[in-house]
Amino acid sequence: MVHLSRAFERQVGAALAVNTTDLSAMEHLIQEGSLTPGELSRRLDISTAATTLVVDRLVALGHAQRHPHSSDRRKVVVVPAQESVARAFQQLYPVIGGVAAVTQELSDDERQVIEAFLARVVGVYHSVLGSPA
């Protein structure tokens, strides 16, 4: 499953002409709408210098724009381009829709078993990370 997920990420990245780090940055921007470069740097867990290069590439490809921060004129925010958001969703929708269709086909009993299993798996992750469930 992990291999399929990574292959799909590569396919989406190729369709948008971005590498995996740039695609991760786009995911954060799509989820949040806009972020400062510092916020993006923390989310990507990369240096601010590396984040500047990521943002430069996204802007050059038309995937994002820099805008003045609304309340701090010393800062900028990185905003995803709506056309790129739409292109990303065009790539994602077949998987999202397909998984939703599979979910709809499950019986209530199947759904309960899967939910219980996934809750236990999440518990394992929390246990290993030492974080509260």
N, C-alpha and C. Protein backbone atom coordinates (compact mmCIF):
# COMPACT_ATOMS: atom_id res chain seq x y z
N MET A 1 0.82 -1.20 0.00
CA MET A 1 0.00 0.00 0.00
C MET A 1 0.86 1.26 0.00
N VAL A 2 1.94 1.27 0.77
CA VAL A 2 2.82 2.44 0.82
C VAL A 2 3.41 2.70 -0.56
N HIS A 3 3.79 1.61 -1.25
CA HIS A 3 4.36 1.78 -2.60
C HIS A 3 3.34 2.39 -3.55
N LEU A 4 2.09 1.97 -3.44
CA LEU A 4 1.04 2.53 -4.30
C LEU A 4 0.82 4.01 -3.99
N SER A 5 0.83 4.35 -2.71
CA SER A 5 0.64 5.74 -2.31
C SER A 5 1.77 6.61 -2.85
N ARG A 6 3.00 6.12 -2.74
CA ARG A 6 4.14 6.89 -3.25
C ARG A 6 4.11 7.00 -4.77
N ALA A 7 3.70 5.93 -5.43
CA ALA A 7 3.59 5.98 -6.88
C ALA A 7 2.54 7.01 -7.29
N PHE A 8 1.43 7.06 -6.56
CA PHE A 8 0.39 8.04 -6.85
C PHE A 8 0.91 9.46 -6.60
N GLU A 9 1.65 9.66 -5.52
CA GLU A 9 2.25 10.98 -5.25
C GLU A 9 3.16 11.39 -6.40
N ARG A 10 3.97 10.46 -6.88
CA ARG A 10 4.85 10.77 -8.01
C ARG A 10 4.04 11.16 -9.24
N GLN A 11 2.94 10.47 -9.46
CA GLN A 11 2.08 10.77 -10.62
C GLN A 11 1.49 12.17 -10.50
N VAL A 12 1.00 12.52 -9.31
CA VAL A 12 0.45 13.86 -9.10
C VAL A 12 1.55 14.90 -9.27
N GLY A 13 2.73 14.62 -8.68
CA GLY A 13 3.85 15.55 -8.82
C GLY A 13 4.25 15.75 -10.27
N ALA A 14 4.28 14.67 -11.03
CA ALA A 14 4.63 14.77 -12.45
C ALA A 14 3.58 15.58 -13.21
N ALA A 15 2.31 15.37 -12.90
CA ALA A 15 1.24 16.13 -13.57
C ALA A 15 1.35 17.62 -13.29
N LEU A 16 1.86 17.96 -12.10
CA LEU A 16 2.00 19.37 -11.73
C LEU A 16 3.42 19.89 -11.96
N ALA A 17 4.31 19.01 -12.41
CA ALA A 17 5.71 19.35 -12.68
C ALA A 17 6.45 19.83 -11.44
N VAL A 18 6.22 19.13 -10.30
CA VAL A 18 6.88 19.49 -9.05
C VAL A 18 7.53 18.24 -8.45
N ASN A 19 8.54 18.47 -7.60
CA ASN A 19 9.16 17.36 -6.89
C ASN A 19 8.37 17.07 -5.61
N THR A 20 8.79 16.09 -4.84
CA THR A 20 8.00 15.68 -3.67
C THR A 20 7.94 16.76 -2.60
N THR A 21 9.02 17.49 -2.39
CA THR A 21 8.99 18.57 -1.40
C THR A 21 8.04 19.67 -1.83
N ASP A 22 8.10 20.04 -3.10
CA ASP A 22 7.20 21.07 -3.61
C ASP A 22 5.75 20.61 -3.52
N LEU A 23 5.51 19.33 -3.81
CA LEU A 23 4.15 18.79 -3.70
C LEU A 23 3.67 18.84 -2.25
N SER A 24 4.55 18.52 -1.31
CA SER A 24 4.17 18.62 0.11
C SER A 24 3.84 20.06 0.48
N ALA A 25 4.62 20.99 -0.03
CA ALA A 25 4.34 22.40 0.23
C ALA A 25 2.97 22.78 -0.33
N MET A 26 2.68 22.31 -1.54
CA MET A 26 1.38 22.60 -2.15
C MET A 26 0.25 22.00 -1.33
N GLU A 27 0.45 20.79 -0.80
CA GLU A 27 -0.58 20.18 0.04
C GLU A 27 -0.89 21.06 1.25
N HIS A 28 0.16 21.57 1.89
CA HIS A 28 -0.04 22.45 3.05
C HIS A 28 -0.76 23.73 2.65
N LEU A 29 -0.36 24.30 1.51
CA LEU A 29 -1.00 25.54 1.06
C LEU A 29 -2.46 25.30 0.68
N ILE A 30 -2.74 24.17 0.05
CA ILE A 30 -4.11 23.86 -0.33
C ILE A 30 -4.97 23.68 0.92
N GLN A 31 -4.42 23.02 1.95
CA GLN A 31 -5.18 22.80 3.18
C GLN A 31 -5.41 24.09 3.95
N GLU A 32 -4.42 24.97 3.97
CA GLU A 32 -4.51 26.18 4.80
C GLU A 32 -4.95 27.42 4.03
N GLY A 33 -4.76 27.43 2.73
CA GLY A 33 -5.11 28.61 1.94
C GLY A 33 -3.95 29.56 1.76
N SER A 34 -3.21 29.82 2.82
CA SER A 34 -2.00 30.63 2.74
C SER A 34 -1.18 30.40 4.00
N LEU A 35 0.12 30.53 3.85
CA LEU A 35 1.05 30.38 4.97
C LEU A 35 2.21 31.33 4.77
N THR A 36 2.81 31.75 5.86
CA THR A 36 4.06 32.50 5.73
C THR A 36 5.16 31.50 5.38
N PRO A 37 6.25 31.96 4.80
CA PRO A 37 7.36 31.04 4.53
C PRO A 37 7.86 30.35 5.80
N GLY A 38 7.85 31.06 6.93
CA GLY A 38 8.28 30.45 8.19
C GLY A 38 7.37 29.31 8.61
N GLU A 39 6.05 29.53 8.47
CA GLU A 39 5.10 28.46 8.80
C GLU A 39 5.29 27.27 7.87
N LEU A 40 5.50 27.55 6.60
CA LEU A 40 5.71 26.49 5.63
C LEU A 40 7.00 25.72 5.94
N SER A 41 8.03 26.45 6.33
CA SER A 41 9.31 25.83 6.70
C SER A 41 9.13 24.85 7.86
N ARG A 42 8.39 25.27 8.88
CA ARG A 42 8.16 24.38 10.03
C ARG A 42 7.35 23.15 9.63
N ARG A 43 6.34 23.34 8.82
CA ARG A 43 5.50 22.20 8.41
C ARG A 43 6.27 21.21 7.55
N LEU A 44 7.16 21.72 6.71
CA LEU A 44 7.96 20.84 5.85
C LEU A 44 9.19 20.29 6.57
N ASP A 45 9.51 20.89 7.71
CA ASP A 45 10.70 20.52 8.49
C ASP A 45 11.97 20.69 7.65
N ILE A 46 12.06 21.85 6.98
CA ILE A 46 13.24 22.20 6.21
C ILE A 46 13.67 23.62 6.60
N SER A 47 14.87 23.99 6.24
CA SER A 47 15.38 25.31 6.59
C SER A 47 14.61 26.41 5.86
N THR A 48 14.72 27.62 6.38
CA THR A 48 14.05 28.74 5.72
C THR A 48 14.67 29.00 4.35
N ALA A 49 15.98 28.76 4.21
CA ALA A 49 16.63 28.93 2.90
C ALA A 49 16.07 27.93 1.90
N ALA A 50 15.90 26.68 2.33
CA ALA A 50 15.33 25.66 1.44
C ALA A 50 13.89 26.00 1.11
N THR A 51 13.16 26.55 2.08
CA THR A 51 11.77 26.93 1.84
C THR A 51 11.70 28.05 0.81
N THR A 52 12.62 28.98 0.86
CA THR A 52 12.66 30.05 -0.14
C THR A 52 12.80 29.46 -1.53
N LEU A 53 13.64 28.46 -1.69
CA LEU A 53 13.80 27.81 -2.99
C LEU A 53 12.52 27.11 -3.42
N VAL A 54 11.85 26.44 -2.48
CA VAL A 54 10.58 25.78 -2.79
C VAL A 54 9.56 26.80 -3.27
N VAL A 55 9.43 27.89 -2.51
CA VAL A 55 8.45 28.92 -2.88
C VAL A 55 8.82 29.55 -4.22
N ASP A 56 10.11 29.80 -4.45
CA ASP A 56 10.54 30.34 -5.74
C ASP A 56 10.12 29.43 -6.89
N ARG A 57 10.30 28.12 -6.71
CA ARG A 57 9.92 27.17 -7.77
C ARG A 57 8.40 27.18 -7.98
N LEU A 58 7.63 27.17 -6.88
CA LEU A 58 6.17 27.17 -7.01
C LEU A 58 5.67 28.43 -7.69
N VAL A 59 6.26 29.56 -7.36
CA VAL A 59 5.87 30.83 -7.98
C VAL A 59 6.24 30.81 -9.47
N ALA A 60 7.45 30.34 -9.79
CA ALA A 60 7.90 30.30 -11.18
C ALA A 60 7.01 29.40 -12.03
N LEU A 61 6.48 28.33 -11.43
CA LEU A 61 5.60 27.42 -12.17
C LEU A 61 4.14 27.89 -12.18
N GLY A 62 3.85 28.98 -11.48
CA GLY A 62 2.48 29.49 -11.43
C GLY A 62 1.59 28.77 -10.43
N HIS A 63 2.19 27.98 -9.54
CA HIS A 63 1.40 27.24 -8.54
C HIS A 63 1.10 28.07 -7.29
N ALA A 64 1.83 29.17 -7.10
CA ALA A 64 1.63 29.99 -5.90
C ALA A 64 2.03 31.42 -6.21
N GLN A 65 1.58 32.31 -5.33
CA GLN A 65 1.98 33.72 -5.41
C GLN A 65 2.38 34.17 -4.01
N ARG A 66 3.22 35.19 -3.98
CA ARG A 66 3.55 35.85 -2.72
C ARG A 66 2.67 37.09 -2.62
N HIS A 67 2.07 37.27 -1.42
CA HIS A 67 1.25 38.46 -1.16
C HIS A 67 1.69 39.07 0.16
N PRO A 68 1.50 40.38 0.31
CA PRO A 68 1.81 41.00 1.61
C PRO A 68 0.93 40.39 2.70
N HIS A 69 1.50 40.23 3.87
CA HIS A 69 0.75 39.74 5.03
C HIS A 69 -0.31 40.78 5.39
N SER A 70 -1.48 40.32 5.80
CA SER A 70 -2.59 41.25 6.06
C SER A 70 -2.36 42.15 7.27
N SER A 71 -1.59 41.69 8.27
CA SER A 71 -1.44 42.51 9.47
C SER A 71 0.01 42.85 9.82
N ASP A 72 0.98 42.26 9.13
CA ASP A 72 2.39 42.53 9.42
C ASP A 72 3.08 42.84 8.10
N ARG A 73 3.30 44.12 7.85
CA ARG A 73 3.82 44.51 6.54
C ARG A 73 5.26 44.05 6.29
N ARG A 74 5.94 43.52 7.32
CA ARG A 74 7.28 42.97 7.13
C ARG A 74 7.23 41.56 6.55
N LYS A 75 6.08 40.91 6.62
CA LYS A 75 5.95 39.52 6.20
C LYS A 75 5.22 39.40 4.87
N VAL A 76 5.40 38.24 4.27
CA VAL A 76 4.61 37.86 3.10
C VAL A 76 3.93 36.54 3.41
N VAL A 77 2.88 36.26 2.67
CA VAL A 77 2.25 34.95 2.74
C VAL A 77 2.32 34.33 1.36
N VAL A 78 2.38 33.03 1.34
CA VAL A 78 2.39 32.27 0.10
C VAL A 78 0.98 31.73 -0.08
N VAL A 79 0.38 32.02 -1.23
CA VAL A 79 -1.00 31.67 -1.50
C VAL A 79 -1.03 30.73 -2.71
N PRO A 80 -1.77 29.62 -2.61
CA PRO A 80 -1.83 28.71 -3.77
C PRO A 80 -2.65 29.33 -4.90
N ALA A 81 -2.22 29.10 -6.12
CA ALA A 81 -2.96 29.56 -7.30
C ALA A 81 -4.19 28.67 -7.47
N GLN A 82 -5.34 29.29 -7.65
CA GLN A 82 -6.59 28.53 -7.77
C GLN A 82 -6.56 27.52 -8.92
N GLU A 83 -5.91 27.89 -10.03
CA GLU A 83 -5.82 26.94 -11.16
C GLU A 83 -5.03 25.71 -10.77
N SER A 84 -3.98 25.89 -9.97
CA SER A 84 -3.17 24.75 -9.52
C SER A 84 -3.93 23.90 -8.52
N VAL A 85 -4.71 24.54 -7.66
CA VAL A 85 -5.54 23.79 -6.73
C VAL A 85 -6.52 22.92 -7.52
N ALA A 86 -7.12 23.50 -8.54
CA ALA A 86 -8.07 22.74 -9.37
C ALA A 86 -7.37 21.60 -10.09
N ARG A 87 -6.16 21.84 -10.60
CA ARG A 87 -5.40 20.77 -11.27
C ARG A 87 -5.05 19.66 -10.29
N ALA A 88 -4.68 20.03 -9.08
CA ALA A 88 -4.35 19.02 -8.07
C ALA A 88 -5.58 18.17 -7.76
N PHE A 89 -6.72 18.82 -7.59
CA PHE A 89 -7.93 18.07 -7.30
C PHE A 89 -8.36 17.18 -8.47
N GLN A 90 -8.09 17.61 -9.70
CA GLN A 90 -8.37 16.75 -10.86
C GLN A 90 -7.59 15.45 -10.74
N GLN A 91 -6.36 15.54 -10.24
CA GLN A 91 -5.53 14.35 -10.06
C GLN A 91 -6.01 13.51 -8.88
N LEU A 92 -6.44 14.18 -7.81
CA LEU A 92 -6.82 13.49 -6.58
C LEU A 92 -8.22 12.90 -6.61
N TYR A 93 -9.12 13.53 -7.35
CA TYR A 93 -10.52 13.14 -7.30
C TYR A 93 -10.77 11.67 -7.65
N PRO A 94 -10.13 11.10 -8.67
CA PRO A 94 -10.41 9.68 -8.95
C PRO A 94 -10.14 8.76 -7.76
N VAL A 95 -9.10 9.05 -7.00
CA VAL A 95 -8.80 8.23 -5.82
C VAL A 95 -9.79 8.54 -4.70
N ILE A 96 -10.04 9.82 -4.45
CA ILE A 96 -10.98 10.19 -3.40
C ILE A 96 -12.36 9.62 -3.70
N GLY A 97 -12.82 9.79 -4.93
CA GLY A 97 -14.13 9.27 -5.32
C GLY A 97 -14.17 7.75 -5.28
N GLY A 98 -13.09 7.12 -5.71
CA GLY A 98 -13.04 5.67 -5.69
C GLY A 98 -13.09 5.10 -4.29
N VAL A 99 -12.33 5.71 -3.38
CA VAL A 99 -12.33 5.25 -1.99
C VAL A 99 -13.70 5.51 -1.36
N ALA A 100 -14.31 6.63 -1.67
CA ALA A 100 -15.65 6.92 -1.15
C ALA A 100 -16.65 5.88 -1.65
N ALA A 101 -16.53 5.48 -2.92
CA ALA A 101 -17.44 4.48 -3.46
C ALA A 101 -17.25 3.14 -2.77
N VAL A 102 -16.01 2.76 -2.53
CA VAL A 102 -15.74 1.50 -1.82
C VAL A 102 -16.33 1.57 -0.42
N THR A 103 -16.17 2.70 0.24
CA THR A 103 -16.71 2.88 1.59
C THR A 103 -18.23 2.73 1.60
N GLN A 104 -18.88 3.28 0.61
CA GLN A 104 -20.34 3.18 0.53
C GLN A 104 -20.82 1.74 0.35
N GLU A 105 -19.99 0.91 -0.26
CA GLU A 105 -20.34 -0.49 -0.51
C GLU A 105 -20.23 -1.37 0.74
N LEU A 106 -19.56 -0.87 1.78
CA LEU A 106 -19.36 -1.68 2.99
C LEU A 106 -20.66 -1.84 3.76
N SER A 107 -20.83 -3.00 4.34
CA SER A 107 -21.96 -3.21 5.24
C SER A 107 -21.64 -2.52 6.57
N ASP A 108 -22.64 -2.34 7.41
CA ASP A 108 -22.42 -1.74 8.72
C ASP A 108 -21.44 -2.57 9.54
N ASP A 109 -21.56 -3.89 9.48
CA ASP A 109 -20.64 -4.76 10.22
C ASP A 109 -19.20 -4.60 9.71
N GLU A 110 -19.02 -4.56 8.40
CA GLU A 110 -17.68 -4.38 7.83
C GLU A 110 -17.10 -3.04 8.27
N ARG A 111 -17.91 -2.01 8.23
CA ARG A 111 -17.47 -0.67 8.61
C ARG A 111 -17.03 -0.65 10.08
N GLN A 112 -17.80 -1.30 10.95
CA GLN A 112 -17.45 -1.33 12.37
C GLN A 112 -16.13 -2.05 12.61
N VAL A 113 -15.91 -3.15 11.91
CA VAL A 113 -14.66 -3.89 12.05
C VAL A 113 -13.48 -3.03 11.60
N ILE A 114 -13.63 -2.38 10.46
CA ILE A 114 -12.56 -1.53 9.93
C ILE A 114 -12.28 -0.36 10.87
N GLU A 115 -13.32 0.29 11.35
CA GLU A 115 -13.15 1.42 12.27
C GLU A 115 -12.45 0.98 13.55
N ALA A 116 -12.82 -0.17 14.09
CA ALA A 116 -12.18 -0.68 15.31
C ALA A 116 -10.70 -0.99 15.05
N PHE A 117 -10.42 -1.62 13.92
CA PHE A 117 -9.04 -1.94 13.56
C PHE A 117 -8.21 -0.67 13.44
N LEU A 118 -8.72 0.31 12.70
CA LEU A 118 -7.96 1.55 12.50
C LEU A 118 -7.78 2.31 13.81
N ALA A 119 -8.77 2.30 14.68
CA ALA A 119 -8.62 2.95 15.99
C ALA A 119 -7.50 2.29 16.78
N ARG A 120 -7.41 0.98 16.71
CA ARG A 120 -6.34 0.27 17.42
C ARG A 120 -4.98 0.58 16.81
N VAL A 121 -4.91 0.67 15.49
CA VAL A 121 -3.65 1.01 14.82
C VAL A 121 -3.21 2.42 15.22
N VAL A 122 -4.16 3.36 15.25
CA VAL A 122 -3.85 4.72 15.69
C VAL A 122 -3.33 4.69 17.13
N GLY A 123 -3.91 3.86 17.96
CA GLY A 123 -3.45 3.71 19.35
C GLY A 123 -2.02 3.23 19.40
N VAL A 124 -1.64 2.32 18.53
CA VAL A 124 -0.26 1.84 18.49
C VAL A 124 0.67 3.00 18.15
N TYR A 125 0.32 3.78 17.15
CA TYR A 125 1.14 4.93 16.79
C TYR A 125 1.28 5.90 17.97
N HIS A 126 0.18 6.22 18.63
CA HIS A 126 0.24 7.12 19.78
C HIS A 126 1.12 6.54 20.88
N SER A 127 1.03 5.25 21.11
CA SER A 127 1.83 4.60 22.13
C SER A 127 3.31 4.71 21.81
N VAL A 128 3.68 4.45 20.58
CA VAL A 128 5.08 4.51 20.18
C VAL A 128 5.60 5.94 20.23
N LEU A 129 4.76 6.89 19.85
CA LEU A 129 5.17 8.30 19.86
C LEU A 129 5.10 8.92 21.24
N GLY A 130 4.47 8.23 22.18
CA GLY A 130 4.32 8.78 23.53
C GLY A 130 3.35 9.93 23.60
N SER A 131 2.40 9.96 22.68
CA SER A 131 1.42 11.03 22.67
C SER A 131 0.07 10.49 23.10
N PRO A 132 -0.77 11.37 23.66
CA PRO A 132 -2.10 10.91 24.10
C PRO A 132 -2.97 10.49 22.92
N ALA A 133 -3.77 9.48 23.17
CA ALA A 133 -4.69 9.00 22.13
C ALA A 133 -5.83 9.94 22.08
